[in-house]
Amino acid sequence: MPRLARIGAAATGAFGFGTNSDYLASYLVVAGGGGGGGNSIGGGPINGGGGGGAGGYLANTTTFQVGKTYTVTVGGGGAGSTNPGVTGSNSSISSVATASGGGGAGGYATAPDGVGRTGGSGGGGGLGRAGGAGTSGQGYAGGDGSASGGGGGGGASQVGVTNNQSFGVYPNGGNGLASTISGSSVYRAGGGGGASGATGGSGGGGATGVAGTVNTGGGGGGVTGDTGATGASGGSGVVIISYPGSQRATGGTVTSSGGYTIHTFNSSGSYIA
């Protein structure tokens, strides 16, 4: 995401960067990824559930009020299941932005357990079922399932792939988005891969049977296996706040890069502006 143009440290006024002024900062809020779906009804070891949807992805700028305490919540990833995976938890900066948890994937199961859940990005559908919808401005829908297993979870920049393995199309997770807010380009919020050899989306999405990467909001991979096989968990989210100049706030892990101060929250806490 574009970073703020640097404003001189001596600037003052309501929206300047003097130490007693309210100030503009960039933020990235990524929710926890959804859990992958499993197999609750049998059918053989090649069958499995969909991939979990990526956590919702929000990036923007806002004005922070000097001295105000903002509650930062970092959502956890949803657990995988033999039925639908669990939807991830929301991440937020209080009064600023809330990203929705990634949708849990549908399982290799009868309706409604086979349907992908709605979330920041939608979970992949299970046995012949539809993928879940994504949240506008935060992510994309999950791919549909088929008779051979679940579809890929949606990512922040791309829908999950519909399972069509009879034509050589694997249910890969949708890709996430790259941001330079932390000082280097990092992809986050990739969807989890569905059943049978699928890959996760760029940005922490888990491949088949693999958990989403922590602090990326990646969806968990669906699982391939017979009755009782359990999908993988989604990855936890992250919140990052960045502003030009030297440190003027507290909270999170504080680093600097390229003339910016960066506050990274890998778990919930407080940002005191």
C-alpha atoms as a PDB file:
ATOM      1  CA  MET A   1       0.000   0.000   0.000  1.00  0.00           C
ATOM      2  CA  PRO A   2       1.270   3.564  -0.600  1.00  0.00           C
ATOM      3  CA  ARG A   3       2.851   5.131   2.449  1.00  0.00           C
ATOM      4  CA  LEU A   4       2.258   8.685   3.583  1.00  0.00           C
ATOM      5  CA  ALA A   5       4.449  11.365   2.092  1.00  0.00           C
ATOM      6  CA  ARG A   6       6.726  12.524   4.869  1.00  0.00           C
ATOM      7  CA  ILE A   7       5.828  15.816   6.544  1.00  0.00           C
ATOM      8  CA  GLY A   8       8.549  17.782   8.279  1.00  0.00           C
ATOM      9  CA  ALA A   9       9.034  17.060  11.954  1.00  0.00           C
ATOM     10  CA  ALA A  10       8.611  20.723  12.790  1.00  0.00           C
ATOM     11  CA  ALA A  11       5.127  20.957  11.285  1.00  0.00           C
ATOM     12  CA  THR A  12       2.354  22.041  13.652  1.00  0.00           C
ATOM     13  CA  GLY A  13      -1.408  22.518  13.600  1.00  0.00           C
ATOM     14  CA  ALA A  14      -4.417  20.247  13.883  1.00  0.00           C
ATOM     15  CA  PHE A  15      -3.096  17.712  11.369  1.00  0.00           C
ATOM     16  CA  GLY A  16       0.635  18.311  11.548  1.00  0.00           C
ATOM     17  CA  PHE A  17       3.385  16.215  13.062  1.00  0.00           C
ATOM     18  CA  GLY A  18       4.384  18.364  16.013  1.00  0.00           C
ATOM     19  CA  THR A  19       4.542  16.294  19.190  1.00  0.00           C
ATOM     20  CA  ASN A  20       1.347  17.843  20.573  1.00  0.00           C
ATOM     21  CA  SER A  21      -0.658  17.641  17.353  1.00  0.00           C
ATOM     22  CA  ASP A  22      -3.045  15.036  16.061  1.00  0.00           C
ATOM     23  CA  TYR A  23      -1.405  13.217  13.171  1.00  0.00           C
ATOM     24  CA  LEU A  24      -2.029  11.098  10.098  1.00  0.00           C
ATOM     25  CA  ALA A  25      -0.857   7.488  10.046  1.00  0.00           C
ATOM     26  CA  SER A  26      -1.259   4.493   7.782  1.00  0.00           C
ATOM     27  CA  TYR A  27      -2.760   1.297   9.126  1.00  0.00           C
ATOM     28  CA  LEU A  28      -3.188  -2.311   8.074  1.00  0.00           C
ATOM     29  CA  VAL A  29      -5.771  -4.491   9.827  1.00  0.00           C
ATOM     30  CA  VAL A  30      -5.949  -8.203   8.952  1.00  0.00           C
ATOM     31  CA  ALA A  31      -8.387 -10.546  10.693  1.00  0.00           C
ATOM     32  CA  GLY A  32      -7.873 -14.196  11.562  1.00  0.00           C
ATOM     33  CA  GLY A  33      -8.223 -16.735   8.749  1.00  0.00           C
ATOM     34  CA  GLY A  34     -10.979 -19.324   8.599  1.00  0.00           C
ATOM     35  CA  GLY A  35     -10.461 -22.990   9.371  1.00  0.00           C
ATOM     36  CA  GLY A  36     -10.408 -25.680   6.709  1.00  0.00           C
ATOM     37  CA  GLY A  37     -13.172 -28.237   6.268  1.00  0.00           C
ATOM     38  CA  GLY A  38     -12.867 -31.982   6.780  1.00  0.00           C
ATOM     39  CA  ASN A  39     -14.767 -35.178   6.031  1.00  0.00           C
ATOM     40  CA  SER A  40     -17.681 -36.245   8.207  1.00  0.00           C
ATOM     41  CA  ILE A  41     -19.507 -38.690   5.912  1.00  0.00           C
ATOM     42  CA  GLY A  42     -16.837 -40.949   4.439  1.00  0.00           C
ATOM     43  CA  GLY A  43     -16.666 -41.781   0.764  1.00  0.00           C
ATOM     44  CA  GLY A  44     -13.044 -42.789   0.673  1.00  0.00           C
ATOM     45  CA  PRO A  45      -9.633 -41.320   1.507  1.00  0.00           C
ATOM     46  CA  ILE A  46      -9.460 -38.988  -1.503  1.00  0.00           C
ATOM     47  CA  ASN A  47     -12.403 -36.859  -0.365  1.00  0.00           C
ATOM     48  CA  GLY A  48     -12.139 -33.738   1.737  1.00  0.00           C
ATOM     49  CA  GLY A  49     -13.365 -30.285   2.628  1.00  0.00           C
ATOM     50  CA  GLY A  50     -12.729 -26.783   1.357  1.00  0.00           C
ATOM     51  CA  GLY A  51     -10.026 -24.290   2.263  1.00  0.00           C
ATOM     52  CA  GLY A  52     -10.646 -21.578   4.834  1.00  0.00           C
ATOM     53  CA  GLY A  53     -11.177 -18.003   3.700  1.00  0.00           C
ATOM     54  CA  ALA A  54      -8.524 -15.391   4.445  1.00  0.00           C
ATOM     55  CA  GLY A  55      -9.143 -12.861   7.155  1.00  0.00           C
ATOM     56  CA  GLY A  56     -10.532  -9.508   6.050  1.00  0.00           C
ATOM     57  CA  TYR A  57      -7.880  -7.045   4.841  1.00  0.00           C
ATOM     58  CA  LEU A  58      -8.204  -3.273   5.412  1.00  0.00           C
ATOM     59  CA  ALA A  59      -5.529  -0.685   4.595  1.00  0.00           C
ATOM     60  CA  ASN A  60      -5.974   3.078   4.779  1.00  0.00           C
ATOM     61  CA  THR A  61      -4.915   6.255   6.583  1.00  0.00           C
ATOM     62  CA  THR A  62      -6.568   8.041   9.479  1.00  0.00           C
ATOM     63  CA  THR A  63      -5.976  10.845  11.955  1.00  0.00           C
ATOM     64  CA  PHE A  64      -4.964   9.686  15.446  1.00  0.00           C
ATOM     65  CA  GLN A  65      -5.726  11.931  18.416  1.00  0.00           C
ATOM     66  CA  VAL A  66      -2.721  12.681  20.594  1.00  0.00           C
ATOM     67  CA  GLY A  67      -3.023  11.076  24.031  1.00  0.00           C
ATOM     68  CA  LYS A  68      -5.986   8.899  23.128  1.00  0.00           C
ATOM     69  CA  THR A  69      -5.831   5.165  23.835  1.00  0.00           C
ATOM     70  CA  TYR A  70      -6.995   2.938  20.993  1.00  0.00           C
ATOM     71  CA  THR A  71      -7.800  -0.693  21.740  1.00  0.00           C
ATOM     72  CA  VAL A  72      -6.147  -2.997  19.219  1.00  0.00           C
ATOM     73  CA  THR A  73      -7.650  -6.459  18.775  1.00  0.00           C
ATOM     74  CA  VAL A  74      -5.820  -9.143  16.807  1.00  0.00           C
ATOM     75  CA  GLY A  75      -8.157 -11.947  15.775  1.00  0.00           C
ATOM     76  CA  GLY A  76      -7.254 -15.596  16.088  1.00  0.00           C
ATOM     77  CA  GLY A  77      -7.570 -18.124  13.292  1.00  0.00           C
ATOM     78  CA  GLY A  78     -10.576 -20.411  13.205  1.00  0.00           C
ATOM     79  CA  ALA A  79     -10.142 -24.085  14.019  1.00  0.00           C
ATOM     80  CA  GLY A  80     -10.405 -26.759  11.371  1.00  0.00           C
ATOM     81  CA  SER A  81     -13.169 -29.340  11.648  1.00  0.00           C
ATOM     82  CA  THR A  82     -14.587 -32.548  10.193  1.00  0.00           C
ATOM     83  CA  ASN A  83     -17.611 -30.461   9.184  1.00  0.00           C
ATOM     84  CA  PRO A  84     -17.374 -26.748   8.369  1.00  0.00           C
ATOM     85  CA  GLY A  85     -14.248 -25.012   9.602  1.00  0.00           C
ATOM     86  CA  VAL A  86     -14.680 -22.308  12.215  1.00  0.00           C
ATOM     87  CA  THR A  87     -14.773 -18.707  11.009  1.00  0.00           C
ATOM     88  CA  GLY A  88     -11.801 -16.604  12.150  1.00  0.00           C
ATOM     89  CA  SER A  89     -12.089 -13.768  14.655  1.00  0.00           C
ATOM     90  CA  ASN A  90     -12.227 -10.070  13.793  1.00  0.00           C
ATOM     91  CA  SER A  91      -9.259  -7.717  14.106  1.00  0.00           C
ATOM     92  CA  SER A  92      -9.744  -4.027  14.824  1.00  0.00           C
ATOM     93  CA  ILE A  93      -8.465  -0.649  15.914  1.00  0.00           C
ATOM     94  CA  SER A  94     -11.225   0.806  18.075  1.00  0.00           C
ATOM     95  CA  SER A  95     -13.205   3.618  16.416  1.00  0.00           C
ATOM     96  CA  VAL A  96     -11.018   3.300  13.287  1.00  0.00           C
ATOM     97  CA  ALA A  97     -11.467  -0.005  11.441  1.00  0.00           C
ATOM     98  CA  THR A  98     -12.749  -3.576  11.885  1.00  0.00           C
ATOM     99  CA  ALA A  99     -11.760  -6.443   9.580  1.00  0.00           C
ATOM    100  CA  SER A 100     -14.025  -9.505   9.504  1.00  0.00           C
ATOM    101  CA  GLY A 101     -12.708 -12.977  10.253  1.00  0.00           C
ATOM    102  CA  GLY A 102     -12.199 -15.336   7.316  1.00  0.00           C
ATOM    103  CA  GLY A 103     -15.069 -17.675   6.555  1.00  0.00           C
ATOM    104  CA  GLY A 104     -14.816 -21.278   7.681  1.00  0.00           C
ATOM    105  CA  ALA A 105     -14.734 -23.817   4.847  1.00  0.00           C
ATOM    106  CA  GLY A 106     -17.485 -26.271   4.100  1.00  0.00           C
ATOM    107  CA  GLY A 107     -16.808 -29.892   4.947  1.00  0.00           C
ATOM    108  CA  TYR A 108     -17.229 -33.031   2.864  1.00  0.00           C
ATOM    109  CA  ALA A 109     -20.665 -33.258   4.375  1.00  0.00           C
ATOM    110  CA  THR A 110     -24.373 -32.873   3.736  1.00  0.00           C
ATOM    111  CA  ALA A 111     -25.948 -29.413   3.581  1.00  0.00           C
ATOM    112  CA  PRO A 112     -25.721 -27.055   5.381  1.00  0.00           C
ATOM    113  CA  ASP A 113     -22.370 -28.253   6.756  1.00  0.00           C
ATOM    114  CA  GLY A 114     -20.926 -28.465   3.245  1.00  0.00           C
ATOM    115  CA  VAL A 115     -21.522 -24.801   2.431  1.00  0.00           C
ATOM    116  CA  GLY A 116     -18.620 -22.351   2.770  1.00  0.00           C
ATOM    117  CA  ARG A 117     -19.087 -19.638   5.375  1.00  0.00           C
ATOM    118  CA  THR A 118     -19.200 -15.912   4.670  1.00  0.00           C
ATOM    119  CA  GLY A 119     -16.303 -13.864   6.058  1.00  0.00           C
ATOM    120  CA  GLY A 120     -13.662 -11.270   5.244  1.00  0.00           C
ATOM    121  CA  SER A 121     -12.920 -13.697   2.432  1.00  0.00           C
ATOM    122  CA  GLY A 122     -15.304 -16.620   1.979  1.00  0.00           C
ATOM    123  CA  GLY A 123     -14.557 -20.221   2.832  1.00  0.00           C
ATOM    124  CA  GLY A 124     -14.418 -22.820   0.071  1.00  0.00           C
ATOM    125  CA  GLY A 125     -17.488 -24.985  -0.386  1.00  0.00           C
ATOM    126  CA  GLY A 126     -17.441 -28.691   0.433  1.00  0.00           C
ATOM    127  CA  LEU A 127     -19.150 -31.640  -1.266  1.00  0.00           C
ATOM    128  CA  GLY A 128     -20.823 -30.093  -4.313  1.00  0.00           C
ATOM    129  CA  ARG A 129     -21.619 -26.959  -2.302  1.00  0.00           C
ATOM    130  CA  ALA A 130     -21.089 -23.261  -2.911  1.00  0.00           C
ATOM    131  CA  GLY A 131     -18.240 -21.243  -1.479  1.00  0.00           C
ATOM    132  CA  GLY A 132     -18.973 -18.475   0.988  1.00  0.00           C
ATOM    133  CA  ALA A 133     -19.133 -14.805   0.028  1.00  0.00           C
ATOM    134  CA  GLY A 134     -16.416 -12.322   0.908  1.00  0.00           C
ATOM    135  CA  THR A 135     -16.986  -8.923   2.515  1.00  0.00           C
ATOM    136  CA  SER A 136     -16.956  -5.992   0.100  1.00  0.00           C
ATOM    137  CA  GLY A 137     -13.668  -4.106   0.317  1.00  0.00           C
ATOM    138  CA  GLN A 138     -12.024  -6.813   2.450  1.00  0.00           C
ATOM    139  CA  GLY A 139     -11.778  -9.998   0.394  1.00  0.00           C
ATOM    140  CA  TYR A 140     -13.199 -12.398  -2.169  1.00  0.00           C
ATOM    141  CA  ALA A 141     -15.483 -15.413  -2.276  1.00  0.00           C
ATOM    142  CA  GLY A 142     -14.457 -19.015  -1.779  1.00  0.00           C
ATOM    143  CA  GLY A 143     -14.482 -21.500  -4.631  1.00  0.00           C
ATOM    144  CA  ASP A 144     -17.235 -24.083  -5.024  1.00  0.00           C
ATOM    145  CA  GLY A 145     -16.808 -27.726  -4.115  1.00  0.00           C
ATOM    146  CA  SER A 146     -17.502 -30.735  -6.317  1.00  0.00           C
ATOM    147  CA  ALA A 147     -18.134 -34.443  -5.949  1.00  0.00           C
ATOM    148  CA  SER A 148     -14.417 -35.014  -5.349  1.00  0.00           C
ATOM    149  CA  GLY A 149     -13.942 -32.444  -2.617  1.00  0.00           C
ATOM    150  CA  GLY A 150     -13.887 -28.855  -1.467  1.00  0.00           C
ATOM    151  CA  GLY A 151     -12.972 -25.615  -3.220  1.00  0.00           C
ATOM    152  CA  GLY A 152     -10.243 -23.126  -2.342  1.00  0.00           C
ATOM    153  CA  GLY A 153     -10.743 -20.353   0.183  1.00  0.00           C
ATOM    154  CA  GLY A 154     -10.999 -16.772  -1.017  1.00  0.00           C
ATOM    155  CA  GLY A 155      -8.079 -14.370  -0.611  1.00  0.00           C
ATOM    156  CA  ALA A 156      -7.722 -10.610  -0.304  1.00  0.00           C
ATOM    157  CA  SER A 157      -7.139 -10.179  -4.062  1.00  0.00           C
ATOM    158  CA  GLN A 158      -8.654 -13.259  -5.683  1.00  0.00           C
ATOM    159  CA  VAL A 159     -11.520 -15.752  -5.462  1.00  0.00           C
ATOM    160  CA  GLY A 160     -10.746 -19.304  -4.406  1.00  0.00           C
ATOM    161  CA  VAL A 161     -10.532 -21.843  -7.220  1.00  0.00           C
ATOM    162  CA  THR A 162     -13.524 -24.118  -7.825  1.00  0.00           C
ATOM    163  CA  ASN A 163     -12.700 -27.814  -7.467  1.00  0.00           C
ATOM    164  CA  ASN A 164     -12.673 -29.399 -10.929  1.00  0.00           C
ATOM    165  CA  GLN A 165     -10.021 -32.083 -10.601  1.00  0.00           C
ATOM    166  CA  SER A 166     -11.516 -34.278 -13.304  1.00  0.00           C
ATOM    167  CA  PHE A 167     -10.246 -31.574 -15.684  1.00  0.00           C
ATOM    168  CA  GLY A 168      -6.947 -31.075 -13.843  1.00  0.00           C
ATOM    169  CA  VAL A 169      -8.042 -27.939 -11.976  1.00  0.00           C
ATOM    170  CA  TYR A 170      -6.966 -28.035  -8.338  1.00  0.00           C
ATOM    171  CA  PRO A 171      -8.869 -25.970  -5.733  1.00  0.00           C
ATOM    172  CA  ASN A 172      -6.076 -23.559  -4.831  1.00  0.00           C
ATOM    173  CA  GLY A 173      -6.632 -20.721  -2.388  1.00  0.00           C
ATOM    174  CA  GLY A 174      -7.038 -17.157  -3.640  1.00  0.00           C
ATOM    175  CA  ASN A 175      -3.994 -14.912  -3.412  1.00  0.00           C
ATOM    176  CA  GLY A 176      -3.584 -12.202  -0.794  1.00  0.00           C
ATOM    177  CA  LEU A 177      -2.265  -8.651  -1.110  1.00  0.00           C
ATOM    178  CA  ALA A 178       1.214  -7.200  -0.641  1.00  0.00           C
ATOM    179  CA  SER A 179       1.880  -4.210   1.607  1.00  0.00           C
ATOM    180  CA  THR A 180       5.073  -2.275   2.387  1.00  0.00           C
ATOM    181  CA  ILE A 181       3.734  -0.800   5.621  1.00  0.00           C
ATOM    182  CA  SER A 182       6.205  -2.844   7.687  1.00  0.00           C
ATOM    183  CA  GLY A 183       9.197  -1.574   5.666  1.00  0.00           C
ATOM    184  CA  SER A 184       9.329  -4.352   3.057  1.00  0.00           C
ATOM    185  CA  SER A 185       6.806  -5.921   0.721  1.00  0.00           C
ATOM    186  CA  VAL A 186       4.905  -8.707   2.503  1.00  0.00           C
ATOM    187  CA  TYR A 187       1.879 -10.677   1.275  1.00  0.00           C
ATOM    188  CA  ARG A 188      -0.922 -11.388   3.743  1.00  0.00           C
ATOM    189  CA  ALA A 189      -4.491 -12.753   3.718  1.00  0.00           C
ATOM    190  CA  GLY A 190      -4.161 -15.684   1.313  1.00  0.00           C
ATOM    191  CA  GLY A 191      -6.923 -18.282   1.122  1.00  0.00           C
ATOM    192  CA  GLY A 192      -6.466 -21.901   2.161  1.00  0.00           C
ATOM    193  CA  GLY A 193      -6.233 -24.645  -0.451  1.00  0.00           C
ATOM    194  CA  GLY A 194      -9.084 -27.107  -0.742  1.00  0.00           C
ATOM    195  CA  ALA A 195      -8.940 -30.895  -0.899  1.00  0.00           C
ATOM    196  CA  SER A 196      -6.421 -33.105  -2.704  1.00  0.00           C
ATOM    197  CA  GLY A 197      -3.098 -31.455  -3.394  1.00  0.00           C
ATOM    198  CA  ALA A 198      -4.149 -27.791  -3.602  1.00  0.00           C
ATOM    199  CA  THR A 199      -1.842 -24.897  -2.782  1.00  0.00           C
ATOM    200  CA  GLY A 200      -2.623 -22.006  -0.460  1.00  0.00           C
ATOM    201  CA  GLY A 201      -2.824 -18.451  -1.762  1.00  0.00           C
ATOM    202  CA  SER A 202       0.150 -16.114  -1.432  1.00  0.00           C
ATOM    203  CA  GLY A 203      -0.032 -14.432   1.940  1.00  0.00           C
ATOM    204  CA  GLY A 204      -0.058 -17.328   4.385  1.00  0.00           C
ATOM    205  CA  GLY A 205      -2.809 -19.543   2.990  1.00  0.00           C
ATOM    206  CA  GLY A 206      -2.276 -23.172   3.953  1.00  0.00           C
ATOM    207  CA  ALA A 207      -1.989 -25.925   1.354  1.00  0.00           C
ATOM    208  CA  THR A 208      -4.165 -29.027   1.690  1.00  0.00           C
ATOM    209  CA  GLY A 209      -3.928 -30.138   5.328  1.00  0.00           C
ATOM    210  CA  VAL A 210      -1.630 -27.235   6.329  1.00  0.00           C
ATOM    211  CA  ALA A 211      -2.511 -24.468   8.779  1.00  0.00           C
ATOM    212  CA  GLY A 212      -2.552 -20.833   7.728  1.00  0.00           C
ATOM    213  CA  THR A 213       0.579 -18.909   8.707  1.00  0.00           C
ATOM    214  CA  VAL A 214       0.376 -17.028  12.005  1.00  0.00           C
ATOM    215  CA  ASN A 215      -0.036 -13.235  11.848  1.00  0.00           C
ATOM    216  CA  THR A 216      -0.953 -13.251   8.160  1.00  0.00           C
ATOM    217  CA  GLY A 217      -4.678 -14.014   8.325  1.00  0.00           C
ATOM    218  CA  GLY A 218      -4.138 -16.956   5.971  1.00  0.00           C
ATOM    219  CA  GLY A 219      -6.914 -19.518   5.652  1.00  0.00           C
ATOM    220  CA  GLY A 220      -6.377 -23.087   6.794  1.00  0.00           C
ATOM    221  CA  GLY A 221      -6.131 -25.872   4.226  1.00  0.00           C
ATOM    222  CA  GLY A 222      -8.919 -28.365   3.718  1.00  0.00           C
ATOM    223  CA  VAL A 223      -8.092 -31.969   4.381  1.00  0.00           C
ATOM    224  CA  THR A 224      -8.129 -35.055   2.191  1.00  0.00           C
ATOM    225  CA  GLY A 225      -9.064 -38.243   4.003  1.00  0.00           C
ATOM    226  CA  ASP A 226     -11.846 -40.598   5.012  1.00  0.00           C
ATOM    227  CA  THR A 227     -14.380 -40.193   7.825  1.00  0.00           C
ATOM    228  CA  GLY A 228     -13.087 -38.080  10.711  1.00  0.00           C
ATOM    229  CA  ALA A 229     -10.377 -36.249   8.771  1.00  0.00           C
ATOM    230  CA  THR A 230     -10.074 -32.701  10.133  1.00  0.00           C
ATOM    231  CA  GLY A 231      -9.212 -29.516   8.256  1.00  0.00           C
ATOM    232  CA  ALA A 232      -6.342 -27.272   9.314  1.00  0.00           C
ATOM    233  CA  SER A 233      -6.657 -24.089  11.365  1.00  0.00           C
ATOM    234  CA  GLY A 234      -6.506 -20.562   9.978  1.00  0.00           C
ATOM    235  CA  GLY A 235      -3.661 -18.191  10.819  1.00  0.00           C
ATOM    236  CA  SER A 236      -4.025 -15.351  13.296  1.00  0.00           C
ATOM    237  CA  GLY A 237      -4.285 -11.770  12.089  1.00  0.00           C
ATOM    238  CA  VAL A 238      -2.118  -8.683  12.556  1.00  0.00           C
ATOM    239  CA  VAL A 239      -2.475  -4.915  13.028  1.00  0.00           C
ATOM    240  CA  ILE A 240       0.234  -2.471  11.897  1.00  0.00           C
ATOM    241  CA  ILE A 241       0.326   1.323  12.273  1.00  0.00           C
ATOM    242  CA  SER A 242       3.006   3.468  10.576  1.00  0.00           C
ATOM    243  CA  TYR A 243       3.732   7.224  10.553  1.00  0.00           C
ATOM    244  CA  PRO A 244       6.584   9.463   9.355  1.00  0.00           C
ATOM    245  CA  GLY A 245       9.306  10.578  11.731  1.00  0.00           C
ATOM    246  CA  SER A 246      10.477   9.475  15.147  1.00  0.00           C
ATOM    247  CA  GLN A 247       8.403   7.568  17.686  1.00  0.00           C
ATOM    248  CA  ARG A 248       5.511   9.512  19.179  1.00  0.00           C
ATOM    249  CA  ALA A 249       3.142   6.726  20.291  1.00  0.00           C
ATOM    250  CA  THR A 250       3.405   3.538  22.347  1.00  0.00           C
ATOM    251  CA  GLY A 251       2.081   0.032  21.849  1.00  0.00           C
ATOM    252  CA  GLY A 252       3.006  -3.135  19.991  1.00  0.00           C
ATOM    253  CA  THR A 253       6.512  -3.901  18.770  1.00  0.00           C
ATOM    254  CA  VAL A 254       8.105  -0.626  17.656  1.00  0.00           C
ATOM    255  CA  THR A 255      10.585  -0.541  14.762  1.00  0.00           C
ATOM    256  CA  SER A 256      11.696   2.018  12.187  1.00  0.00           C
ATOM    257  CA  SER A 257      12.355   1.855   8.453  1.00  0.00           C
ATOM    258  CA  GLY A 258      12.901   4.466   5.747  1.00  0.00           C
ATOM    259  CA  GLY A 259      12.070   7.394   8.016  1.00  0.00           C
ATOM    260  CA  TYR A 260       8.878   5.818   9.401  1.00  0.00           C
ATOM    261  CA  THR A 261       8.021   4.525  12.863  1.00  0.00           C
ATOM    262  CA  ILE A 262       6.116   1.235  12.761  1.00  0.00           C
ATOM    263  CA  HIS A 263       3.977  -0.326  15.517  1.00  0.00           C
ATOM    264  CA  THR A 264       3.257  -4.016  14.900  1.00  0.00           C
ATOM    265  CA  PHE A 265       0.648  -5.850  16.959  1.00  0.00           C
ATOM    266  CA  ASN A 266       0.909  -9.630  16.697  1.00  0.00           C
ATOM    267  CA  SER A 267      -1.468  -9.928  19.639  1.00  0.00           C
ATOM    268  CA  SER A 268      -4.054  -7.645  21.172  1.00  0.00           C
ATOM    269  CA  GLY A 269      -2.995  -4.551  23.091  1.00  0.00           C
ATOM    270  CA  SER A 270      -3.306  -0.770  23.315  1.00  0.00           C
ATOM    271  CA  TYR A 271      -2.031   1.964  21.018  1.00  0.00           C
ATOM    272  CA  ILE A 272      -1.559   5.222  22.921  1.00  0.00           C
ATOM    273  CA  ALA A 273      -1.296   7.984  20.376  1.00  0.00           C
END
